[in-house]
PDB file of N, CA and C in Angstrom:
ATOM      1  N   MET A   1       0.833  -1.183  -0.002  1.00  0.00           N
ATOM      2  CA  MET A   1      -0.008   0.006  -0.003  1.00  0.00           C
ATOM      3  C   MET A   1       0.864   1.249   0.011  1.00  0.00           C
ATOM      4  N   ASP A   2       2.048   1.135   0.650  1.00  0.00           N
ATOM      5  CA  ASP A   2       2.956   2.295   0.621  1.00  0.00           C
ATOM      6  C   ASP A   2       3.368   2.639  -0.822  1.00  0.00           C
ATOM      7  N   ASP A   3       3.650   1.591  -1.594  1.00  0.00           N
ATOM      8  CA  ASP A   3       4.068   1.836  -2.992  1.00  0.00           C
ATOM      9  C   ASP A   3       2.947   2.485  -3.833  1.00  0.00           C
ATOM     10  N   ALA A   4       1.706   2.238  -3.470  1.00  0.00           N
ATOM     11  CA  ALA A   4       0.573   2.825  -4.187  1.00  0.00           C
ATOM     12  C   ALA A   4       0.274   4.223  -3.642  1.00  0.00           C
ATOM     13  N   GLY A   5       0.948   4.687  -2.641  1.00  0.00           N
ATOM     14  CA  GLY A   5       0.767   6.031  -2.132  1.00  0.00           C
ATOM     15  C   GLY A   5      -0.121   6.152  -0.914  1.00  0.00           C
ATOM     16  N   TYR A   6      -0.593   5.017  -0.382  1.00  0.00           N
ATOM     17  CA  TYR A   6      -1.458   5.005   0.811  1.00  0.00           C
ATOM     18  C   TYR A   6      -0.561   4.900   2.072  1.00  0.00           C
ATOM     19  N   LYS A   7      -0.101   6.058   2.520  1.00  0.00           N
ATOM     20  CA  LYS A   7       0.810   6.105   3.676  1.00  0.00           C
ATOM     21  C   LYS A   7       0.093   6.743   4.864  1.00  0.00           C
ATOM     22  N   ASP A   8       0.638   6.493   6.024  1.00  0.00           N
ATOM     23  CA  ASP A   8       0.118   7.124   7.259  1.00  0.00           C
ATOM     24  C   ASP A   8       0.809   8.476   7.369  1.00  0.00           C
ATOM     25  N   ALA A   9       0.143   9.489   6.870  1.00  0.00           N
ATOM     26  CA  ALA A   9       0.760  10.835   6.783  1.00  0.00           C
ATOM     27  C   ALA A   9       0.971  11.486   8.124  1.00  0.00           C
ATOM     28  N   ASN A  10       0.105  11.203   9.115  1.00  0.00           N
ATOM     29  CA  ASN A  10       0.229  11.924  10.380  1.00  0.00           C
ATOM     30  C   ASN A  10       0.623  11.038  11.559  1.00  0.00           C
ATOM     31  N   GLY A  11       0.958   9.771  11.295  1.00  0.00           N
ATOM     32  CA  GLY A  11       1.436   8.880  12.355  1.00  0.00           C
ATOM     33  C   GLY A  11       0.362   8.373  13.301  1.00  0.00           C
ATOM     34  N   ASP A  12      -0.926   8.425  12.897  1.00  0.00           N
ATOM     35  CA  ASP A  12      -1.993   7.939  13.786  1.00  0.00           C
ATOM     36  C   ASP A  12      -2.316   6.480  13.611  1.00  0.00           C
ATOM     37  N   GLY A  13      -1.596   5.779  12.763  1.00  0.00           N
ATOM     38  CA  GLY A  13      -1.818   4.377  12.523  1.00  0.00           C
ATOM     39  C   GLY A  13      -2.805   4.093  11.406  1.00  0.00           C
ATOM     40  N   ILE A  14      -3.433   5.120  10.855  1.00  0.00           N
ATOM     41  CA  ILE A  14      -4.387   4.930   9.760  1.00  0.00           C
ATOM     42  C   ILE A  14      -3.806   5.533   8.501  1.00  0.00           C
ATOM     43  N   ARG A  15      -3.785   4.748   7.457  1.00  0.00           N
ATOM     44  CA  ARG A  15      -3.276   5.216   6.175  1.00  0.00           C
ATOM     45  C   ARG A  15      -4.213   6.301   5.621  1.00  0.00           C
ATOM     46  N   ASP A  16      -3.644   7.150   4.762  1.00  0.00           N
ATOM     47  CA  ASP A  16      -4.422   8.242   4.136  1.00  0.00           C
ATOM     48  C   ASP A  16      -4.443   8.028   2.665  1.00  0.00           C
ATOM     49  N   MET A  17      -5.393   8.730   2.018  1.00  0.00           N
ATOM     50  CA  MET A  17      -5.442   8.724   0.553  1.00  0.00           C
ATOM     51  C   MET A  17      -4.118   9.263   0.035  1.00  0.00           C
ATOM     52  N   PRO A  18      -3.703   8.873  -1.182  1.00  0.00           N
ATOM     53  CA  PRO A  18      -2.410   9.328  -1.682  1.00  0.00           C
ATOM     54  C   PRO A  18      -2.223  10.844  -1.660  1.00  0.00           C
ATOM     55  N   ASP A  19      -3.293  11.637  -1.803  1.00  0.00           N
ATOM     56  CA  ASP A  19      -3.154  13.088  -1.756  1.00  0.00           C
ATOM     57  C   ASP A  19      -3.142  13.588  -0.318  1.00  0.00           C
ATOM     58  N   GLY A  20      -3.280  12.711   0.661  1.00  0.00           N
ATOM     59  CA  GLY A  20      -3.238  13.066   2.065  1.00  0.00           C
ATOM     60  C   GLY A  20      -4.502  13.704   2.625  1.00  0.00           C
ATOM     61  N   THR A  21      -5.564  13.724   1.867  1.00  0.00           N
ATOM     62  CA  THR A  21      -6.776  14.444   2.289  1.00  0.00           C
ATOM     63  C   THR A  21      -7.677  13.642   3.201  1.00  0.00           C
ATOM     64  N   HIS A  22      -7.771  12.350   3.072  1.00  0.00           N
ATOM     65  CA  HIS A  22      -8.713  11.557   3.829  1.00  0.00           C
ATOM     66  C   HIS A  22      -8.047  10.279   4.354  1.00  0.00           C
ATOM     67  N   PRO A  23      -8.326   9.984   5.637  1.00  0.00           N
ATOM     68  CA  PRO A  23      -7.825   8.687   6.165  1.00  0.00           C
ATOM     69  C   PRO A  23      -8.645   7.529   5.568  1.00  0.00           C
ATOM     70  N   LEU A  24      -8.051   6.352   5.499  1.00  0.00           N
ATOM     71  CA  LEU A  24      -8.757   5.176   5.034  1.00  0.00           C
ATOM     72  C   LEU A  24      -9.621   4.649   6.197  1.00  0.00           C
ATOM     73  N   THR A  25     -10.788   5.265   6.316  1.00  0.00           N
ATOM     74  CA  THR A  25     -11.769   4.909   7.299  1.00  0.00           C
ATOM     75  C   THR A  25     -13.050   4.553   6.576  1.00  0.00           C
ATOM     76  N   PHE A  26     -13.597   3.351   6.881  1.00  0.00           N
ATOM     77  CA  PHE A  26     -14.785   2.884   6.187  1.00  0.00           C
ATOM     78  C   PHE A  26     -15.849   2.476   7.192  1.00  0.00           C
ATOM     79  N   ARG A  27     -17.118   2.712   6.800  1.00  0.00           N
ATOM     80  CA  ARG A  27     -18.251   2.262   7.630  1.00  0.00           C
ATOM     81  C   ARG A  27     -18.527   0.795   7.343  1.00  0.00           C
ATOM     82  N   LEU A  28     -18.558   0.004   8.378  1.00  0.00           N
ATOM     83  CA  LEU A  28     -18.915  -1.421   8.266  1.00  0.00           C
ATOM     84  C   LEU A  28     -20.184  -1.652   8.977  1.00  0.00           C
ATOM     85  N   ASN A  29     -21.234  -2.069   8.242  1.00  0.00           N
ATOM     86  CA  ASN A  29     -22.557  -2.319   8.795  1.00  0.00           C
ATOM     87  C   ASN A  29     -22.953  -3.760   8.615  1.00  0.00           C
ATOM     88  N   TRP A  30     -23.854  -4.223   9.499  1.00  0.00           N
ATOM     89  CA  TRP A  30     -24.391  -5.563   9.371  1.00  0.00           C
ATOM     90  C   TRP A  30     -25.771  -5.559  10.025  1.00  0.00           C
ATOM     91  N   PRO A  31     -26.609  -6.513   9.638  1.00  0.00           N
ATOM     92  CA  PRO A  31     -27.928  -6.586  10.268  1.00  0.00           C
ATOM     93  C   PRO A  31     -27.803  -6.932  11.750  1.00  0.00           C
ATOM     94  N   SER A  32     -28.496  -6.186  12.609  1.00  0.00           N
ATOM     95  CA  SER A  32     -28.418  -6.426  14.027  1.00  0.00           C
ATOM     96  C   SER A  32     -28.960  -7.779  14.424  1.00  0.00           C
ATOM     97  N   SER A  33     -29.765  -8.391  13.572  1.00  0.00           N
ATOM     98  CA  SER A  33     -30.358  -9.681  13.850  1.00  0.00           C
ATOM     99  C   SER A  33     -29.372 -10.835  13.577  1.00  0.00           C
ATOM    100  N   ASP A  34     -28.222 -10.536  12.961  1.00  0.00           N
ATOM    101  CA  ASP A  34     -27.232 -11.578  12.642  1.00  0.00           C
ATOM    102  C   ASP A  34     -26.263 -11.773  13.834  1.00  0.00           C
ATOM    103  N   ASP A  35     -26.475 -12.879  14.510  1.00  0.00           N
ATOM    104  CA  ASP A  35     -25.691 -13.151  15.759  1.00  0.00           C
ATOM    105  C   ASP A  35     -24.198 -13.293  15.501  1.00  0.00           C
ATOM    106  N   ASP A  36     -23.801 -13.785  14.353  1.00  0.00           N
ATOM    107  CA  ASP A  36     -22.402 -14.009  14.080  1.00  0.00           C
ATOM    108  C   ASP A  36     -21.682 -12.769  13.535  1.00  0.00           C
ATOM    109  N   ALA A  37     -22.417 -11.853  12.957  1.00  0.00           N
ATOM    110  CA  ALA A  37     -21.814 -10.732  12.226  1.00  0.00           C
ATOM    111  C   ALA A  37     -20.968  -9.786  13.121  1.00  0.00           C
ATOM    112  N   SER A  38     -21.384  -9.623  14.375  1.00  0.00           N
ATOM    113  CA  SER A  38     -20.590  -8.723  15.229  1.00  0.00           C
ATOM    114  C   SER A  38     -19.198  -9.276  15.502  1.00  0.00           C
ATOM    115  N   ARG A  39     -19.109 -10.619  15.649  1.00  0.00           N
ATOM    116  CA  ARG A  39     -17.782 -11.218  15.834  1.00  0.00           C
ATOM    117  C   ARG A  39     -16.970 -11.128  14.543  1.00  0.00           C
ATOM    118  N   ILE A  40     -17.617 -11.336  13.420  1.00  0.00           N
ATOM    119  CA  ILE A  40     -16.922 -11.179  12.135  1.00  0.00           C
ATOM    120  C   ILE A  40     -16.417  -9.757  11.970  1.00  0.00           C
ATOM    121  N   ALA A  41     -17.268  -8.776  12.330  1.00  0.00           N
ATOM    122  CA  ALA A  41     -16.857  -7.388  12.253  1.00  0.00           C
ATOM    123  C   ALA A  41     -15.655  -7.107  13.140  1.00  0.00           C
ATOM    124  N   ASP A  42     -15.645  -7.642  14.358  1.00  0.00           N
ATOM    125  CA  ASP A  42     -14.490  -7.441  15.239  1.00  0.00           C
ATOM    126  C   ASP A  42     -13.233  -8.005  14.626  1.00  0.00           C
ATOM    127  N   LEU A  43     -13.318  -9.196  14.054  1.00  0.00           N
ATOM    128  CA  LEU A  43     -12.153  -9.802  13.431  1.00  0.00           C
ATOM    129  C   LEU A  43     -11.683  -8.989  12.233  1.00  0.00           C
ATOM    130  N   LEU A  44     -12.607  -8.567  11.402  1.00  0.00           N
ATOM    131  CA  LEU A  44     -12.230  -7.716  10.266  1.00  0.00           C
ATOM    132  C   LEU A  44     -11.554  -6.433  10.707  1.00  0.00           C
ATOM    133  N   SER A  45     -12.111  -5.795  11.752  1.00  0.00           N
ATOM    134  CA  SER A  45     -11.553  -4.573  12.251  1.00  0.00           C
ATOM    135  C   SER A  45     -10.115  -4.770  12.734  1.00  0.00           C
ATOM    136  N   GLU A  46      -9.893  -5.838  13.467  1.00  0.00           N
ATOM    137  CA  GLU A  46      -8.535  -6.157  13.953  1.00  0.00           C
ATOM    138  C   GLU A  46      -7.567  -6.377  12.795  1.00  0.00           C
ATOM    139  N   MET A  47      -7.982  -7.144  11.801  1.00  0.00           N
ATOM    140  CA  MET A  47      -7.109  -7.471  10.713  1.00  0.00           C
ATOM    141  C   MET A  47      -6.824  -6.233   9.853  1.00  0.00           C
ATOM    142  N   TRP A  48      -7.855  -5.429   9.573  1.00  0.00           N
ATOM    143  CA  TRP A  48      -7.676  -4.288   8.720  1.00  0.00           C
ATOM    144  C   TRP A  48      -6.850  -3.191   9.447  1.00  0.00           C
ATOM    145  N   LYS A  49      -6.973  -3.126  10.750  1.00  0.00           N
ATOM    146  CA  LYS A  49      -6.192  -2.158  11.520  1.00  0.00           C
ATOM    147  C   LYS A  49      -4.707  -2.465  11.383  1.00  0.00           C
ATOM    148  N   GLN A  50      -4.360  -3.751  11.291  1.00  0.00           N
ATOM    149  CA  GLN A  50      -2.967  -4.147  11.149  1.00  0.00           C
ATOM    150  C   GLN A  50      -2.378  -3.601   9.835  1.00  0.00           C
ATOM    151  N   ILE A  51      -3.178  -3.334   8.861  1.00  0.00           N
ATOM    152  CA  ILE A  51      -2.669  -2.800   7.581  1.00  0.00           C
ATOM    153  C   ILE A  51      -2.994  -1.320   7.437  1.00  0.00           C
ATOM    154  N   GLY A  52      -3.494  -0.702   8.538  1.00  0.00           N
ATOM    155  CA  GLY A  52      -3.695   0.737   8.522  1.00  0.00           C
ATOM    156  C   GLY A  52      -5.035   1.220   8.006  1.00  0.00           C
ATOM    157  N   ILE A  53      -6.046   0.394   8.122  1.00  0.00           N
ATOM    158  CA  ILE A  53      -7.412   0.769   7.672  1.00  0.00           C
ATOM    159  C   ILE A  53      -8.325   0.737   8.902  1.00  0.00           C
ATOM    160  N   LYS A  54      -9.066   1.791   9.125  1.00  0.00           N
ATOM    161  CA  LYS A  54      -9.985   1.863  10.279  1.00  0.00           C
ATOM    162  C   LYS A  54     -11.400   1.548   9.810  1.00  0.00           C
ATOM    163  N   LEU A  55     -12.087   0.736  10.585  1.00  0.00           N
ATOM    164  CA  LEU A  55     -13.472   0.428  10.353  1.00  0.00           C
ATOM    165  C   LEU A  55     -14.336   1.044  11.452  1.00  0.00           C
ATOM    166  N   GLU A  56     -15.363   1.779  11.056  1.00  0.00           N
ATOM    167  CA  GLU A  56     -16.335   2.281  11.985  1.00  0.00           C
ATOM    168  C   GLU A  56     -17.520   1.336  11.939  1.00  0.00           C
ATOM    169  N   MET A  57     -17.696   0.541  12.992  1.00  0.00           N
ATOM    170  CA  MET A  57     -18.637  -0.592  12.973  1.00  0.00           C
ATOM    171  C   MET A  57     -19.967  -0.258  13.589  1.00  0.00           C
ATOM    172  N   GLN A  58     -21.062  -0.748  12.952  1.00  0.00           N
ATOM    173  CA  GLN A  58     -22.379  -0.478  13.508  1.00  0.00           C
ATOM    174  C   GLN A  58     -23.339  -1.566  13.043  1.00  0.00           C
ATOM    175  N   ALA A  59     -24.010  -2.202  14.003  1.00  0.00           N
ATOM    176  CA  ALA A  59     -25.105  -3.087  13.696  1.00  0.00           C
ATOM    177  C   ALA A  59     -26.328  -2.194  13.413  1.00  0.00           C
ATOM    178  N   VAL A  60     -27.089  -2.578  12.389  1.00  0.00           N
ATOM    179  CA  VAL A  60     -28.226  -1.765  11.964  1.00  0.00           C
ATOM    180  C   VAL A  60     -29.438  -2.696  11.826  1.00  0.00           C
ATOM    181  N   GLU A  61     -30.587  -2.241  12.282  1.00  0.00           N
ATOM    182  CA  GLU A  61     -31.829  -3.020  12.114  1.00  0.00           C
ATOM    183  C   GLU A  61     -31.989  -3.372  10.640  1.00  0.00           C
ATOM    184  N   SER A  62     -32.460  -4.604  10.366  1.00  0.00           N
ATOM    185  CA  SER A  62     -32.447  -5.141   9.000  1.00  0.00           C
ATOM    186  C   SER A  62     -33.153  -4.229   7.974  1.00  0.00           C
ATOM    187  N   ASP A  63     -34.326  -3.751   8.308  1.00  0.00           N
ATOM    188  CA  ASP A  63     -35.020  -2.899   7.319  1.00  0.00           C
ATOM    189  C   ASP A  63     -34.290  -1.599   7.074  1.00  0.00           C
ATOM    190  N   ALA A  64     -33.726  -1.023   8.142  1.00  0.00           N
ATOM    191  CA  ALA A  64     -32.948   0.212   7.976  1.00  0.00           C
ATOM    192  C   ALA A  64     -31.703  -0.042   7.171  1.00  0.00           C
ATOM    193  N   LEU A  65     -31.082  -1.207   7.348  1.00  0.00           N
ATOM    194  CA  LEU A  65     -29.902  -1.542   6.573  1.00  0.00           C
ATOM    195  C   LEU A  65     -30.233  -1.746   5.110  1.00  0.00           C
ATOM    196  N   THR A  66     -31.347  -2.379   4.862  1.00  0.00           N
ATOM    197  CA  THR A  66     -31.801  -2.540   3.471  1.00  0.00           C
ATOM    198  C   THR A  66     -32.037  -1.166   2.823  1.00  0.00           C
ATOM    199  N   ALA A  67     -32.616  -0.247   3.572  1.00  0.00           N
ATOM    200  CA  ALA A  67     -32.861   1.105   3.036  1.00  0.00           C
ATOM    201  C   ALA A  67     -31.551   1.812   2.735  1.00  0.00           C
ATOM    202  N   LYS A  68     -30.531   1.620   3.583  1.00  0.00           N
ATOM    203  CA  LYS A  68     -29.206   2.224   3.337  1.00  0.00           C
ATOM    204  C   LYS A  68     -28.542   1.609   2.114  1.00  0.00           C
ATOM    205  N   CYS A  69     -28.770   0.329   1.988  1.00  0.00           N
ATOM    206  CA  CYS A  69     -28.076  -0.442   0.951  1.00  0.00           C
ATOM    207  C   CYS A  69     -28.705  -0.274  -0.429  1.00  0.00           C
ATOM    208  N   CYS A  70     -29.959  -0.619  -0.488  1.00  0.00           N
ATOM    209  CA  CYS A  70     -30.537  -0.910  -1.782  1.00  0.00           C
ATOM    210  C   CYS A  70     -31.800  -0.143  -2.068  1.00  0.00           C
ATOM    211  N   PRO A  71     -31.843   0.688  -3.008  1.00  0.00           N
ATOM    212  CA  PRO A  71     -30.795   0.962  -4.022  1.00  0.00           C
ATOM    213  C   PRO A  71     -29.985   2.236  -3.779  1.00  0.00           C
ATOM    214  N   THR A  72     -30.019   2.786  -2.558  1.00  0.00           N
ATOM    215  CA  THR A  72     -29.304   4.044  -2.321  1.00  0.00           C
ATOM    216  C   THR A  72     -27.812   3.941  -2.314  1.00  0.00           C
ATOM    217  N   LEU A  73     -27.290   2.729  -2.003  1.00  0.00           N
ATOM    218  CA  LEU A  73     -25.840   2.467  -1.969  1.00  0.00           C
ATOM    219  C   LEU A  73     -25.158   3.398  -0.965  1.00  0.00           C
ATOM    220  N   ASP A  74     -25.789   3.667   0.172  1.00  0.00           N
ATOM    221  CA  ASP A  74     -25.255   4.533   1.218  1.00  0.00           C
ATOM    222  C   ASP A  74     -24.514   3.709   2.253  1.00  0.00           C
ATOM    223  N   TYR A  75     -23.449   3.042   1.817  1.00  0.00           N
ATOM    224  CA  TYR A  75     -22.650   2.213   2.725  1.00  0.00           C
ATOM    225  C   TYR A  75     -21.236   2.096   2.129  1.00  0.00           C
ATOM    226  N   ASP A  76     -20.309   1.684   2.965  1.00  0.00           N
ATOM    227  CA  ASP A  76     -18.962   1.377   2.462  1.00  0.00           C
ATOM    228  C   ASP A  76     -18.773  -0.119   2.374  1.00  0.00           C
ATOM    229  N   ILE A  77     -19.038  -0.826   3.463  1.00  0.00           N
ATOM    230  CA  ILE A  77     -18.854  -2.268   3.548  1.00  0.00           C
ATOM    231  C   ILE A  77     -20.052  -2.875   4.313  1.00  0.00           C
ATOM    232  N   LEU A  78     -20.554  -4.013   3.795  1.00  0.00           N
ATOM    233  CA  LEU A  78     -21.659  -4.698   4.452  1.00  0.00           C
ATOM    234  C   LEU A  78     -21.255  -6.119   4.766  1.00  0.00           C
ATOM    235  N   ILE A  79     -21.711  -6.618   5.873  1.00  0.00           N
ATOM    236  CA  ILE A  79     -21.743  -8.048   6.136  1.00  0.00           C
ATOM    237  C   ILE A  79     -23.200  -8.412   5.897  1.00  0.00           C
ATOM    238  N   TRP A  80     -23.437  -9.221   4.897  1.00  0.00           N
ATOM    239  CA  TRP A  80     -24.814  -9.501   4.435  1.00  0.00           C
ATOM    240  C   TRP A  80     -24.844 -10.926   3.979  1.00  0.00           C
ATOM    241  N   SER A  81     -25.931 -11.536   4.077  1.00  0.00           N
ATOM    242  CA  SER A  81     -26.029 -12.889   3.568  1.00  0.00           C
ATOM    243  C   SER A  81     -27.409 -13.135   2.989  1.00  0.00           C
ATOM    244  N   TRP A  82     -27.489 -14.021   2.027  1.00  0.00           N
ATOM    245  CA  TRP A  82     -28.698 -14.439   1.422  1.00  0.00           C
ATOM    246  C   TRP A  82     -28.436 -15.766   0.717  1.00  0.00           C
ATOM    247  N   VAL A  83     -29.488 -16.392   0.305  1.00  0.00           N
ATOM    248  CA  VAL A  83     -29.379 -17.711  -0.337  1.00  0.00           C
ATOM    249  C   VAL A  83     -30.052 -17.604  -1.688  1.00  0.00           C
ATOM    250  N   ALA A  84     -29.385 -18.182  -2.700  1.00  0.00           N
ATOM    251  CA  ALA A  84     -29.943 -18.194  -4.033  1.00  0.00           C
ATOM    252  C   ALA A  84     -30.648 -19.555  -4.303  1.00  0.00           C
ATOM    253  N   ASP A  85     -31.568 -19.516  -5.223  1.00  0.00           N
ATOM    254  CA  ASP A  85     -32.184 -20.795  -5.564  1.00  0.00           C
ATOM    255  C   ASP A  85     -31.317 -21.520  -6.605  1.00  0.00           C
ATOM    256  N   PRO A  86     -31.658 -22.764  -6.959  1.00  0.00           N
ATOM    257  CA  PRO A  86     -30.790 -23.526  -7.864  1.00  0.00           C
ATOM    258  C   PRO A  86     -30.698 -23.035  -9.290  1.00  0.00           C
ATOM    259  N   ASP A  87     -31.619 -22.136  -9.711  1.00  0.00           N
ATOM    260  CA  ASP A  87     -31.585 -21.601 -11.063  1.00  0.00           C
ATOM    261  C   ASP A  87     -30.395 -20.653 -11.222  1.00  0.00           C
ATOM    262  N   PRO A  88     -29.446 -20.913 -12.084  1.00  0.00           N
ATOM    263  CA  PRO A  88     -28.291 -20.027 -12.248  1.00  0.00           C
ATOM    264  C   PRO A  88     -28.641 -18.569 -12.576  1.00  0.00           C
ATOM    265  N   ASN A  89     -29.772 -18.370 -13.216  1.00  0.00           N
ATOM    266  CA  ASN A  89     -30.197 -16.993 -13.530  1.00  0.00           C
ATOM    267  C   ASN A  89     -30.427 -16.174 -12.272  1.00  0.00           C
ATOM    268  N   SER A  90     -30.744 -16.845 -11.161  1.00  0.00           N
ATOM    269  CA  SER A  90     -30.962 -16.070  -9.939  1.00  0.00           C
ATOM    270  C   SER A  90     -29.681 -15.419  -9.426  1.00  0.00           C
ATOM    271  N   LEU A  91     -28.551 -15.964  -9.788  1.00  0.00           N
ATOM    272  CA  LEU A  91     -27.267 -15.362  -9.469  1.00  0.00           C
ATOM    273  C   LEU A  91     -26.775 -14.443 -10.584  1.00  0.00           C
ATOM    274  N   LEU A  92     -26.966 -14.863 -11.807  1.00  0.00           N
ATOM    275  CA  LEU A  92     -26.441 -14.085 -12.937  1.00  0.00           C
ATOM    276  C   LEU A  92     -27.177 -12.734 -13.152  1.00  0.00           C
ATOM    277  N   ILE A  93     -28.397 -12.640 -12.683  1.00  0.00           N
ATOM    278  CA  ILE A  93     -29.165 -11.417 -12.836  1.00  0.00           C
ATOM    279  C   ILE A  93     -28.740 -10.307 -11.852  1.00  0.00           C
ATOM    280  N   ILE A  94     -28.101 -10.717 -10.768  1.00  0.00           N
ATOM    281  CA  ILE A  94     -27.742  -9.765  -9.694  1.00  0.00           C
ATOM    282  C   ILE A  94     -26.917  -8.608 -10.226  1.00  0.00           C
ATOM    283  N   PRO A  95     -25.847  -8.833 -10.979  1.00  0.00           N
ATOM    284  CA  PRO A  95     -24.994  -7.675 -11.375  1.00  0.00           C
ATOM    285  C   PRO A  95     -25.456  -6.901 -12.597  1.00  0.00           C
ATOM    286  N   ILE A  96     -26.667  -7.156 -13.133  1.00  0.00           N
ATOM    287  CA  ILE A  96     -27.071  -6.359 -14.253  1.00  0.00           C
ATOM    288  C   ILE A  96     -27.490  -4.962 -13.798  1.00  0.00           C
ATOM    289  N   THR A  97     -27.309  -3.984 -14.648  1.00  0.00           N
ATOM    290  CA  THR A  97     -27.615  -2.592 -14.336  1.00  0.00           C
ATOM    291  C   THR A  97     -29.068  -2.407 -13.936  1.00  0.00           C
ATOM    292  N   ASP A  98     -29.986  -3.064 -14.632  1.00  0.00           N
ATOM    293  CA  ASP A  98     -31.426  -2.924 -14.316  1.00  0.00           C
ATOM    294  C   ASP A  98     -31.782  -3.412 -12.912  1.00  0.00           C
ATOM    295  N   SER A  99     -30.865  -4.157 -12.277  1.00  0.00           N
ATOM    296  CA  SER A  99     -31.142  -4.639 -10.924  1.00  0.00           C
ATOM    297  C   SER A  99     -30.713  -3.622  -9.822  1.00  0.00           C
ATOM    298  N   ILE A 100     -30.080  -2.534 -10.229  1.00  0.00           N
ATOM    299  CA  ILE A 100     -29.690  -1.517  -9.232  1.00  0.00           C
ATOM    300  C   ILE A 100     -30.899  -0.824  -8.628  1.00  0.00           C
ATOM    301  N   PRO A 101     -31.842  -0.307  -9.408  1.00  0.00           N
ATOM    302  CA  PRO A 101     -32.982   0.403  -8.816  1.00  0.00           C
ATOM    303  C   PRO A 101     -33.860  -0.506  -7.932  1.00  0.00           C
ATOM    304  N   THR A 102     -33.872  -1.780  -8.213  1.00  0.00           N
ATOM    305  CA  THR A 102     -34.704  -2.713  -7.438  1.00  0.00           C
ATOM    306  C   THR A 102     -34.051  -3.089  -6.114  1.00  0.00           C
ATOM    307  N   GLY A 103     -32.751  -2.807  -5.957  1.00  0.00           N
ATOM    308  CA  GLY A 103     -32.042  -3.221  -4.800  1.00  0.00           C
ATOM    309  C   GLY A 103     -31.463  -4.619  -4.863  1.00  0.00           C
ATOM    310  N   TYR A 104     -31.751  -5.311  -5.930  1.00  0.00           N
ATOM    311  CA  TYR A 104     -31.238  -6.695  -6.092  1.00  0.00           C
ATOM    312  C   TYR A 104     -29.745  -6.657  -6.343  1.00  0.00           C
ATOM    313  N   ASN A 105     -29.273  -5.663  -7.065  1.00  0.00           N
ATOM    314  CA  ASN A 105     -27.845  -5.446  -7.308  1.00  0.00           C
ATOM    315  C   ASN A 105     -27.331  -4.522  -6.218  1.00  0.00           C
ATOM    316  N   GLU A 106     -27.020  -5.063  -5.070  1.00  0.00           N
ATOM    317  CA  GLU A 106     -26.702  -4.284  -3.883  1.00  0.00           C
ATOM    318  C   GLU A 106     -25.334  -3.632  -3.947  1.00  0.00           C
ATOM    319  N   THR A 107     -24.552  -3.983  -4.937  1.00  0.00           N
ATOM    320  CA  THR A 107     -23.248  -3.342  -5.078  1.00  0.00           C
ATOM    321  C   THR A 107     -23.234  -2.127  -5.993  1.00  0.00           C
ATOM    322  N   GLY A 108     -24.277  -1.983  -6.817  1.00  0.00           N
ATOM    323  CA  GLY A 108     -24.296  -0.896  -7.765  1.00  0.00           C
ATOM    324  C   GLY A 108     -23.400  -1.143  -8.985  1.00  0.00           C
ATOM    325  N   TYR A 109     -22.938  -2.368  -9.152  1.00  0.00           N
ATOM    326  CA  TYR A 109     -22.098  -2.679 -10.310  1.00  0.00           C
ATOM    327  C   TYR A 109     -22.867  -2.472 -11.569  1.00  0.00           C
ATOM    328  N   SER A 110     -22.233  -1.834 -12.537  1.00  0.00           N
ATOM    329  CA  SER A 110     -22.879  -1.596 -13.850  1.00  0.00           C
ATOM    330  C   SER A 110     -21.877  -1.795 -14.951  1.00  0.00           C
ATOM    331  N   ASN A 111     -22.197  -2.688 -15.867  1.00  0.00           N
ATOM    332  CA  ASN A 111     -21.305  -2.974 -16.964  1.00  0.00           C
ATOM    333  C   ASN A 111     -22.136  -3.292 -18.189  1.00  0.00           C
ATOM    334  N   PRO A 112     -22.228  -2.368 -19.157  1.00  0.00           N
ATOM    335  CA  PRO A 112     -23.106  -2.561 -20.336  1.00  0.00           C
ATOM    336  C   PRO A 112     -22.753  -3.850 -21.099  1.00  0.00           C
ATOM    337  N   HIS A 113     -21.483  -4.221 -21.124  1.00  0.00           N
ATOM    338  CA  HIS A 113     -21.107  -5.454 -21.806  1.00  0.00           C
ATOM    339  C   HIS A 113     -21.701  -6.677 -21.117  1.00  0.00           C
ATOM    340  N   TYR A 114     -21.614  -6.719 -19.763  1.00  0.00           N
ATOM    341  CA  TYR A 114     -22.207  -7.818 -19.029  1.00  0.00           C
ATOM    342  C   TYR A 114     -23.728  -7.827 -19.269  1.00  0.00           C
ATOM    343  N   ASP A 115     -24.352  -6.659 -19.216  1.00  0.00           N
ATOM    344  CA  ASP A 115     -25.821  -6.600 -19.459  1.00  0.00           C
ATOM    345  C   ASP A 115     -26.164  -7.234 -20.800  1.00  0.00           C
ATOM    346  N   GLU A 116     -25.397  -6.893 -21.813  1.00  0.00           N
ATOM    347  CA  GLU A 116     -25.623  -7.446 -23.143  1.00  0.00           C
ATOM    348  C   GLU A 116     -25.445  -8.928 -23.151  1.00  0.00           C
ATOM    349  N   LEU A 117     -24.355  -9.428 -22.576  1.00  0.00           N
ATOM    350  CA  LEU A 117     -24.139 -10.872 -22.526  1.00  0.00           C
ATOM    351  C   LEU A 117     -25.268 -11.593 -21.793  1.00  0.00           C
ATOM    352  N   PHE A 118     -25.708 -11.003 -20.688  1.00  0.00           N
ATOM    353  CA  PHE A 118     -26.813 -11.635 -19.925  1.00  0.00           C
ATOM    354  C   PHE A 118     -28.063 -11.710 -20.784  1.00  0.00           C
ATOM    355  N   GLN A 119     -28.410 -10.647 -21.492  1.00  0.00           N
ATOM    356  CA  GLN A 119     -29.610 -10.651 -22.299  1.00  0.00           C
ATOM    357  C   GLN A 119     -29.530 -11.675 -23.405  1.00  0.00           C
ATOM    358  N   THR A 120     -28.391 -11.847 -23.995  1.00  0.00           N
ATOM    359  CA  THR A 120     -28.269 -12.791 -25.141  1.00  0.00           C
ATOM    360  C   THR A 120     -28.161 -14.235 -24.650  1.00  0.00           C
ATOM    361  N   THR A 121     -27.834 -14.488 -23.422  1.00  0.00           N
ATOM    362  CA  THR A 121     -27.680 -15.872 -22.975  1.00  0.00           C
ATOM    363  C   THR A 121     -28.743 -16.367 -22.028  1.00  0.00           C
ATOM    364  N   LYS A 122     -29.684 -15.531 -21.636  1.00  0.00           N
ATOM    365  CA  LYS A 122     -30.658 -15.942 -20.638  1.00  0.00           C
ATOM    366  C   LYS A 122     -31.803 -16.778 -21.200  1.00  0.00           C
ATOM    367  N   ARG A 123     -31.819 -17.076 -22.430  1.00  0.00           N
ATOM    368  CA  ARG A 123     -32.902 -17.851 -23.054  1.00  0.00           C
ATOM    369  C   ARG A 123     -33.097 -19.130 -22.471  1.00  0.00           C
TER     370      ARG A 123
END
């Protein structure tokens, strides 16, 4: 990360953006109903701190987290889980651009080439 310019400019243990304007601090959210997620968040925070990244951790009620996530994309990192059905289309449809407004594409990934490939192969 040093070679890429992400250095700890002020010695606080948190790396900064290459231009020195912002520390690498990210919001980590998870559904408060997920019993395992808080421990996962603690482990992630410990590991990321070792490389100079700070996580601001918060459990959020599931509906509120969904509202932050999908489709507003008002988050940095989520611990989230869901299960897909056996139909491969249920997974392949997630990253299409049209799934962003519905909240199904919770990352906001958009790639016109992927969209085109999906449309031509979903028959």
